[in-house]
N, C-alpha and C. Protein backbone atom coordinates (compact mmCIF):
# COMPACT_ATOMS: atom_id res chain seq x y z
N MET A 1 93.62 100.63 83.63
CA MET A 1 92.82 100.66 84.79
C MET A 1 93.44 101.66 85.60
N SER A 2 92.11 102.11 86.60
CA SER A 2 92.91 103.11 87.37
C SER A 2 93.31 102.70 88.58
N ARG A 3 93.99 103.45 89.45
CA ARG A 3 94.96 103.05 90.46
C ARG A 3 93.88 102.25 91.63
N ASN A 4 93.07 102.97 91.72
CA ASN A 4 91.82 102.68 92.88
C ASN A 4 91.37 101.20 92.24
N THR A 5 90.92 101.02 91.34
CA THR A 5 90.74 99.47 90.76
C THR A 5 91.97 98.78 90.90
N PHE A 6 93.38 99.18 90.72
CA PHE A 6 94.10 98.08 90.88
C PHE A 6 94.45 97.37 92.44
N LEU A 7 94.28 98.78 93.06
CA LEU A 7 94.39 98.47 94.52
C LEU A 7 93.52 97.26 94.99
N LEU A 8 92.22 97.86 94.54
CA LEU A 8 90.83 96.83 95.32
C LEU A 8 91.10 95.57 94.42
N LEU A 9 91.40 95.42 93.16
CA LEU A 9 91.61 94.03 92.95
C LEU A 9 92.50 93.49 93.54
N ILE A 10 93.74 93.81 94.27
CA ILE A 10 94.67 93.13 94.86
C ILE A 10 94.19 93.06 96.15
N LEU A 11 93.59 93.54 96.57
CA LEU A 11 92.81 93.36 98.07
C LEU A 11 91.75 92.36 97.77
N LEU A 12 91.09 92.42 96.89
CA LEU A 12 89.87 91.10 96.61
C LEU A 12 90.93 89.78 96.27
N LEU A 13 91.80 89.71 95.77
CA LEU A 13 92.20 89.06 95.23
C LEU A 13 92.75 88.06 96.58
N GLY A 14 93.44 88.85 97.82
CA GLY A 14 93.90 88.49 98.98
C GLY A 14 94.83 87.71 98.97
N SER A 15 94.86 86.83 99.62
CA SER A 15 96.31 86.04 100.20
C SER A 15 97.48 85.25 99.16
N THR A 16 96.29 84.80 98.11
CA THR A 16 96.83 83.99 96.87
C THR A 16 98.18 85.08 96.20
N THR A 17 97.54 86.04 95.82
CA THR A 17 98.19 87.22 95.54
C THR A 17 99.60 87.70 96.18
N VAL A 18 98.96 88.18 96.89
CA VAL A 18 100.04 88.46 98.01
C VAL A 18 101.06 87.84 98.49
N ASN A 19 100.85 86.47 98.85
CA ASN A 19 101.74 85.29 98.95
C ASN A 19 102.55 84.91 97.86
N ARG A 20 101.98 85.05 96.60
CA ARG A 20 102.95 85.00 95.65
C ARG A 20 104.24 85.77 95.73
N ALA A 21 103.34 86.83 95.73
CA ALA A 21 104.84 88.25 95.48
C ALA A 21 105.58 88.15 96.96
N PHE A 22 105.19 87.91 98.15
CA PHE A 22 105.91 87.87 99.44
C PHE A 22 105.74 86.87 100.19
N PRO A 23 106.18 85.39 99.66
CA PRO A 23 106.13 84.09 100.32
C PRO A 23 106.47 83.89 101.64
N GLU A 24 107.33 84.92 102.18
CA GLU A 24 107.65 84.90 103.51
C GLU A 24 107.04 85.71 104.36
N VAL A 25 105.56 86.44 104.26
CA VAL A 25 104.74 86.96 104.79
C VAL A 25 103.53 86.27 104.60
N SER A 26 102.86 86.10 105.99
CA SER A 26 101.78 85.52 105.68
C SER A 26 100.54 86.50 105.72
N VAL A 27 99.70 86.40 104.92
CA VAL A 27 98.26 87.09 104.97
C VAL A 27 97.20 86.51 104.49
N ASN A 28 96.34 87.30 105.53
CA ASN A 28 94.89 86.84 105.39
C ASN A 28 94.73 85.37 105.96
N GLY A 29 95.69 84.57 106.41
CA GLY A 29 95.70 83.23 106.56
C GLY A 29 95.95 82.89 108.03
N ALA A 30 96.35 81.77 108.41
CA ALA A 30 96.77 81.67 109.91
C ALA A 30 98.05 82.54 110.09
N LYS A 31 97.96 83.63 111.08
CA LYS A 31 99.06 84.52 110.86
C LYS A 31 99.76 84.15 111.90
N GLU A 32 101.39 84.36 112.12
CA GLU A 32 101.86 84.17 113.14
C GLU A 32 101.71 85.02 114.46
N ASP A 33 102.42 84.47 115.49
CA ASP A 33 102.30 85.23 116.48
C ASP A 33 103.58 85.94 116.57
N HIS A 34 103.37 87.39 115.91
CA HIS A 34 104.29 88.16 115.88
C HIS A 34 104.51 88.76 116.92
N ALA A 35 104.23 88.86 118.25
CA ALA A 35 104.57 89.64 119.16
C ALA A 35 105.68 88.86 119.84
N SER A 36 105.56 87.12 120.14
CA SER A 36 106.43 86.47 120.69
C SER A 36 107.77 86.69 119.87
N ARG A 37 107.75 86.70 118.62
CA ARG A 37 109.42 86.74 117.75
C ARG A 37 109.74 87.90 117.65
N PHE A 38 109.15 89.17 118.12
CA PHE A 38 109.49 90.48 117.78
C PHE A 38 109.93 91.48 119.28
N SER A 39 110.70 91.89 119.57
CA SER A 39 111.04 92.78 120.74
C SER A 39 111.38 94.03 120.48
N PRO A 40 111.06 95.40 120.55
CA PRO A 40 111.47 96.22 120.10
C PRO A 40 112.87 96.83 120.64
N ALA A 41 113.00 96.24 121.54
CA ALA A 41 114.27 96.60 122.50
C ALA A 41 115.37 96.06 121.75
N VAL A 42 115.11 94.99 120.60
CA VAL A 42 116.40 94.23 120.16
C VAL A 42 116.42 94.14 118.74
N ILE A 43 117.00 95.33 118.35
CA ILE A 43 117.07 95.34 116.81
C ILE A 43 118.40 95.55 116.49
N PRO A 44 119.03 94.61 115.83
CA PRO A 44 120.44 94.38 115.61
C PRO A 44 120.94 95.56 114.53
N ASP A 45 120.13 95.82 113.54
CA ASP A 45 120.29 96.67 112.56
C ASP A 45 120.53 98.12 113.21
N ALA A 46 121.56 98.93 112.45
CA ALA A 46 121.97 100.26 112.64
C ALA A 46 120.55 101.17 112.80
N LYS A 47 119.67 101.20 111.53
CA LYS A 47 118.80 101.96 111.37
C LYS A 47 117.53 100.86 110.76
N LYS A 48 116.35 101.21 111.41
CA LYS A 48 115.50 100.06 111.70
C LYS A 48 113.74 100.82 111.62
N VAL A 49 113.00 100.50 111.06
CA VAL A 49 111.58 100.98 111.22
C VAL A 49 110.69 99.84 111.67
N ALA A 50 110.05 99.62 112.63
CA ALA A 50 109.12 98.77 112.90
C ALA A 50 107.54 99.44 112.86
N VAL A 51 106.81 98.71 112.36
CA VAL A 51 105.43 98.96 111.93
C VAL A 51 104.46 98.05 112.45
N TYR A 52 103.78 98.37 113.78
CA TYR A 52 103.04 97.97 114.60
C TYR A 52 101.73 97.91 113.98
N TYR A 53 100.69 97.07 113.93
CA TYR A 53 99.30 97.25 113.65
C TYR A 53 99.03 96.89 115.10
N PHE A 54 98.27 97.55 116.21
CA PHE A 54 98.12 97.38 117.40
C PHE A 54 96.11 97.05 117.41
N HIS A 55 95.60 96.10 118.05
CA HIS A 55 94.49 95.41 118.25
C HIS A 55 94.05 95.22 119.60
N ASN A 56 92.72 95.13 119.78
CA ASN A 56 92.18 94.43 120.79
C ASN A 56 91.82 93.00 120.66
N THR A 57 91.31 92.15 121.67
CA THR A 57 91.24 90.75 121.65
C THR A 57 89.87 90.93 120.69
N ILE A 58 88.88 91.72 121.01
CA ILE A 58 87.43 91.51 120.39
C ILE A 58 87.85 92.85 119.27
N ARG A 59 87.24 92.56 118.06
CA ARG A 59 87.61 93.70 117.04
C ARG A 59 86.22 93.86 115.81
N CYS A 60 86.15 95.11 115.75
CA CYS A 60 84.68 94.94 114.84
C CYS A 60 85.46 95.15 113.08
N ALA A 61 84.38 95.13 112.28
CA ALA A 61 85.07 95.25 110.82
C ALA A 61 85.96 96.13 110.51
N THR A 62 85.69 97.34 111.10
CA THR A 62 86.48 98.36 110.45
C THR A 62 88.06 98.27 111.21
N CYS A 63 88.12 97.76 112.34
CA CYS A 63 89.66 97.49 112.81
C CYS A 63 90.40 96.22 112.28
N MET A 64 89.41 95.32 111.50
CA MET A 64 90.20 94.29 110.70
C MET A 64 90.64 94.69 109.30
N ARG A 65 89.55 95.42 108.99
CA ARG A 65 90.05 96.46 107.68
C ARG A 65 91.24 97.22 107.64
N MET A 66 91.43 97.67 108.49
CA MET A 66 92.40 99.06 108.81
C MET A 66 93.76 98.07 109.08
N GLU A 67 93.70 96.76 109.60
CA GLU A 67 94.66 95.95 109.65
C GLU A 67 95.06 95.28 108.30
N GLU A 68 94.35 94.93 107.69
CA GLU A 68 94.20 94.64 106.36
C GLU A 68 94.88 95.70 105.47
N TYR A 69 94.47 97.04 105.26
CA TYR A 69 95.00 98.00 104.43
C TYR A 69 96.22 98.50 105.01
N SER A 70 96.85 98.73 106.02
CA SER A 70 97.91 98.66 106.65
C SER A 70 98.86 97.89 106.17
N GLU A 71 98.76 96.31 106.13
CA GLU A 71 99.19 95.64 105.69
C GLU A 71 99.43 95.40 104.21
N PHE A 72 98.53 95.64 103.51
CA PHE A 72 98.84 95.93 102.07
C PHE A 72 100.00 97.23 101.69
N ALA A 73 99.52 98.34 102.42
CA ALA A 73 100.11 99.28 102.49
C ALA A 73 101.70 99.06 102.55
N ILE A 74 102.25 98.40 103.65
CA ILE A 74 103.70 97.96 103.81
C ILE A 74 103.91 97.21 103.00
N LEU A 75 103.38 96.06 102.67
CA LEU A 75 103.67 94.85 101.45
C LEU A 75 103.92 95.32 100.17
N ALA A 76 102.91 96.36 99.74
CA ALA A 76 103.09 96.70 98.52
C ALA A 76 103.99 97.69 98.37
N GLY A 77 104.55 98.48 99.39
CA GLY A 77 104.95 99.87 99.50
C GLY A 77 106.52 99.61 99.65
N PHE A 78 106.77 98.33 100.41
CA PHE A 78 108.23 98.52 100.82
C PHE A 78 108.62 96.85 100.71
N PRO A 79 108.71 96.42 99.59
CA PRO A 79 109.11 94.97 99.64
C PRO A 79 110.80 94.78 99.58
N LYS A 80 111.26 95.64 98.91
CA LYS A 80 112.74 95.39 99.35
C LYS A 80 112.95 95.56 100.89
N GLU A 81 112.68 96.62 101.61
CA GLU A 81 113.00 96.98 103.07
C GLU A 81 112.67 95.62 103.65
N LEU A 82 111.22 95.06 103.27
CA LEU A 82 110.92 94.24 104.46
C LEU A 82 111.84 93.00 104.09
N LYS A 83 112.29 92.62 103.05
CA LYS A 83 113.21 91.26 102.71
C LYS A 83 114.36 91.68 102.98
N SER A 84 115.04 92.87 103.44
CA SER A 84 116.11 93.21 103.87
C SER A 84 116.10 93.27 105.54
N GLY A 85 115.18 93.32 105.81
CA GLY A 85 114.72 93.64 107.37
C GLY A 85 115.02 94.88 108.03
N ARG A 86 115.06 95.99 107.08
CA ARG A 86 114.99 97.24 107.31
C ARG A 86 113.75 97.55 107.81
N ILE A 87 112.45 96.83 107.52
CA ILE A 87 111.37 97.43 108.00
C ILE A 87 111.01 96.12 108.46
N GLU A 88 110.14 96.22 109.71
CA GLU A 88 109.65 95.03 110.19
C GLU A 88 108.13 95.22 110.67
N TRP A 89 107.05 94.36 109.91
CA TRP A 89 105.82 94.70 109.88
C TRP A 89 105.38 93.51 111.09
N ARG A 90 104.61 93.92 111.96
CA ARG A 90 104.24 93.21 113.18
C ARG A 90 102.57 93.68 113.83
N VAL A 91 101.40 92.53 113.73
CA VAL A 91 100.20 92.89 114.48
C VAL A 91 100.46 92.26 115.83
N VAL A 92 99.99 92.98 116.61
CA VAL A 92 99.96 92.71 118.00
C VAL A 92 99.06 93.08 119.19
N ASN A 93 98.36 91.98 119.64
CA ASN A 93 96.85 92.15 120.40
C ASN A 93 97.40 92.52 121.55
N MET A 94 97.16 94.02 121.82
CA MET A 94 97.72 94.92 122.88
C MET A 94 97.17 94.28 124.41
N GLN A 95 96.07 93.42 124.49
CA GLN A 95 95.50 93.05 125.61
C GLN A 95 96.09 91.74 126.17
N THR A 96 96.86 91.06 125.69
CA THR A 96 97.55 89.88 126.21
C THR A 96 98.44 90.43 127.25
N PRO A 97 98.46 89.67 128.10
CA PRO A 97 99.59 90.31 129.38
C PRO A 97 101.00 90.48 128.79
N GLU A 98 101.72 89.80 128.00
CA GLU A 98 103.02 90.19 127.56
C GLU A 98 102.90 91.22 126.75
N ASN A 99 101.64 91.90 126.39
CA ASN A 99 101.93 93.13 125.28
C ASN A 99 101.14 94.44 126.06
N ARG A 100 100.23 94.38 127.32
CA ARG A 100 99.90 95.36 127.85
C ARG A 100 100.72 96.72 127.84
N HIS A 101 101.88 96.49 127.82
CA HIS A 101 102.93 97.79 128.09
C HIS A 101 102.94 98.52 126.79
N PHE A 102 102.63 98.02 125.62
CA PHE A 102 102.59 98.81 124.57
C PHE A 102 101.44 100.24 124.67
N ALA A 103 100.36 99.39 125.22
CA ALA A 103 99.22 100.62 125.21
C ALA A 103 99.99 101.95 126.13
N GLU A 104 100.61 101.29 127.17
CA GLU A 104 101.05 102.51 127.92
C GLU A 104 102.20 103.23 127.28
N ASP A 105 103.15 102.43 126.67
CA ASP A 105 104.42 103.03 125.91
C ASP A 105 103.92 104.14 124.88
N PHE A 106 102.88 103.62 124.32
CA PHE A 106 102.28 104.45 123.16
C PHE A 106 101.34 105.24 123.39
N LYS A 107 100.81 105.10 124.61
CA LYS A 107 99.35 105.66 124.72
C LYS A 107 98.08 105.66 123.83
N LEU A 108 98.16 104.04 124.06
CA LEU A 108 97.13 103.54 123.17
C LEU A 108 95.71 103.30 123.69
N HIS A 109 94.42 103.76 122.93
CA HIS A 109 93.17 103.29 123.65
C HIS A 109 92.36 102.60 122.64
N MET A 110 92.56 102.35 121.44
CA MET A 110 92.13 101.65 120.66
C MET A 110 93.10 100.92 119.40
N SER A 111 92.41 100.32 118.52
CA SER A 111 93.25 99.90 117.04
C SER A 111 93.91 101.10 116.76
N SER A 112 95.63 100.88 116.66
CA SER A 112 96.54 102.00 116.14
C SER A 112 97.35 101.57 115.17
N LEU A 113 98.03 102.21 114.33
CA LEU A 113 99.03 101.61 113.74
C LEU A 113 100.39 102.84 114.03
N VAL A 114 101.16 102.26 114.48
CA VAL A 114 102.62 102.99 115.17
C VAL A 114 103.57 102.60 114.69
N ILE A 115 104.53 103.45 113.89
CA ILE A 115 105.96 103.46 113.34
C ILE A 115 106.61 103.75 114.43
N VAL A 116 107.58 103.08 114.21
CA VAL A 116 108.71 103.56 115.54
C VAL A 116 110.35 103.11 114.56
N ARG A 117 110.87 104.51 114.71
CA ARG A 117 112.22 104.35 114.18
C ARG A 117 113.43 104.06 115.26
N PHE A 118 114.40 103.14 114.69
CA PHE A 118 115.25 102.89 115.62
C PHE A 118 116.67 103.05 114.84
N LYS A 119 117.52 103.66 115.71
CA LYS A 119 118.90 103.68 115.17
C LYS A 119 119.68 103.42 116.45
N ASP A 120 120.95 102.76 115.59
CA ASP A 120 121.93 102.04 116.73
C ASP A 120 121.42 101.01 117.66
N GLY A 121 120.01 100.52 117.15
CA GLY A 121 119.35 99.53 118.15
C GLY A 121 118.37 100.29 119.47
N GLU A 122 118.65 101.58 119.14
CA GLU A 122 117.74 102.28 120.15
C GLU A 122 116.52 103.09 119.71
N GLN A 123 115.19 102.92 120.20
CA GLN A 123 114.30 103.44 119.76
C GLN A 123 114.51 104.84 119.88
N VAL A 124 114.27 105.80 118.85
CA VAL A 124 114.52 107.29 118.70
C VAL A 124 113.17 108.19 118.43
N GLU A 125 112.45 107.32 118.06
CA GLU A 125 111.05 108.33 117.40
C GLU A 125 110.12 107.02 117.26
N TRP A 126 108.70 107.67 117.40
CA TRP A 126 107.38 106.89 117.13
C TRP A 126 106.40 107.83 116.60
N ARG A 127 105.70 107.35 115.92
CA ARG A 127 104.29 108.17 115.44
C ARG A 127 103.15 107.00 115.53
N ASN A 128 102.21 107.60 116.30
CA ASN A 128 100.80 107.01 116.10
C ASN A 128 99.98 107.37 114.95
N LEU A 129 99.75 106.59 113.99
CA LEU A 129 99.00 107.29 112.65
C LEU A 129 97.44 107.06 112.81
N GLU A 130 97.11 108.05 113.98
CA GLU A 130 95.76 108.34 114.44
C GLU A 130 94.73 108.60 113.14
N LYS A 131 94.96 109.07 112.32
CA LYS A 131 94.49 109.27 111.13
C LYS A 131 93.72 108.31 110.20
N ILE A 132 94.10 107.05 110.42
CA ILE A 132 93.80 105.73 109.45
C ILE A 132 92.63 105.73 109.89
N TRP A 133 91.84 106.24 110.91
CA TRP A 133 90.52 105.93 111.00
C TRP A 133 90.05 107.22 109.99
N ASP A 134 90.19 108.17 109.79
CA ASP A 134 89.80 109.02 108.85
C ASP A 134 89.77 108.54 107.16
N HIS A 135 90.91 107.68 107.24
CA HIS A 135 90.93 107.15 105.67
C HIS A 135 90.67 105.82 105.46
N VAL A 136 90.05 105.12 106.35
CA VAL A 136 89.77 103.90 106.10
C VAL A 136 88.61 103.77 105.08
N GLY A 137 87.76 104.76 105.00
CA GLY A 137 86.64 104.80 103.57
C GLY A 137 87.37 104.87 102.45
N ASP A 138 88.79 105.16 101.85
CA ASP A 138 89.21 105.02 100.89
C ASP A 138 90.59 104.37 100.75
N ILE A 139 90.84 103.45 100.35
CA ILE A 139 92.08 102.64 100.31
C ILE A 139 93.24 103.50 99.79
N THR A 140 93.09 104.26 98.64
CA THR A 140 94.06 104.83 98.23
C THR A 140 94.54 106.05 99.39
N ASP A 141 93.73 106.75 99.77
CA ASP A 141 94.21 107.85 100.42
C ASP A 141 94.74 106.90 101.86
N PHE A 142 94.43 105.84 102.23
CA PHE A 142 94.41 105.31 103.73
C PHE A 142 96.26 104.76 103.20
N VAL A 143 96.56 104.10 101.92
CA VAL A 143 97.67 103.45 101.53
C VAL A 143 98.67 104.68 101.56
N ASN A 144 98.37 106.00 100.91
CA ASN A 144 99.25 107.14 100.71
C ASN A 144 99.61 107.50 102.27
N TYR A 145 98.83 107.48 102.85
CA TYR A 145 99.19 108.18 104.41
C TYR A 145 99.92 107.41 105.08
N VAL A 146 99.91 106.15 104.94
CA VAL A 146 100.53 105.21 105.57
C VAL A 146 101.88 104.94 105.45
N GLN A 147 102.15 105.18 103.67
CA GLN A 147 103.43 104.73 103.07
C GLN A 147 104.26 106.08 103.23
N SER A 148 103.51 107.18 102.93
CA SER A 148 104.36 108.47 103.40
C SER A 148 105.09 108.82 104.72
N ASN A 149 104.26 108.47 105.81
CA ASN A 149 104.59 108.40 106.82
C ASN A 149 105.69 107.23 107.18
N VAL A 150 105.49 106.00 107.05
CA VAL A 150 106.77 105.23 106.85
C VAL A 150 108.02 105.66 106.27
N ARG A 151 107.78 106.08 105.01
CA ARG A 151 108.97 106.51 104.24
C ARG A 151 109.85 107.76 104.85
N ALA A 152 108.77 108.53 105.66
CA ALA A 152 109.66 109.85 106.17
C ALA A 152 110.33 109.39 107.32
N LEU A 153 110.14 108.17 108.12
CA LEU A 153 110.71 107.63 109.28
C LEU A 153 111.97 107.00 108.85
N LEU A 154 111.56 106.15 107.97
CA LEU A 154 112.71 105.49 106.94
C LEU A 154 113.76 106.46 106.78
N ASN A 155 113.43 107.51 106.34
CA ASN A 155 114.56 108.22 105.44
C ASN A 155 115.20 109.47 106.37
N ALA A 156 114.64 109.22 107.62
CA ALA A 156 114.95 110.35 108.56
C ALA A 156 116.33 110.10 109.04
N ASP A 157 117.36 111.37 109.32
CA ASP A 157 118.89 111.38 109.56
C ASP A 157 118.98 109.51 109.48
């Protein structure tokens, strides 16, 4: 089975397969209100990476697909880091009053995937993975793009 076929199969199987592999993470079902339980300013670990998928209240099919692909890239690529808390995955509606500051903080205008690196509880670097829009037509390229950028920030100094 090719890697593309395998990735597509995992996506098609959806939440059942992913929830078995990662029971602590909700996928494709009723999602938690991630924004309410995560604040980027309060990260107790010395070194951590937060991966945010920012979206608007009204979303197109492509935006929802990018969220699914992003979530898959993080869950499949970093299970140990997620479990240990070294990586945080959050889906955030940037149009709610409590989250509007993110659009300004990260200069966001549309659905975006942003990776933030923290060191000693302080935000030290962030990347907006703007090319997710270019890769949404090929899940393998999309996943590789996301995982390589997360890995780079996770391994930075």
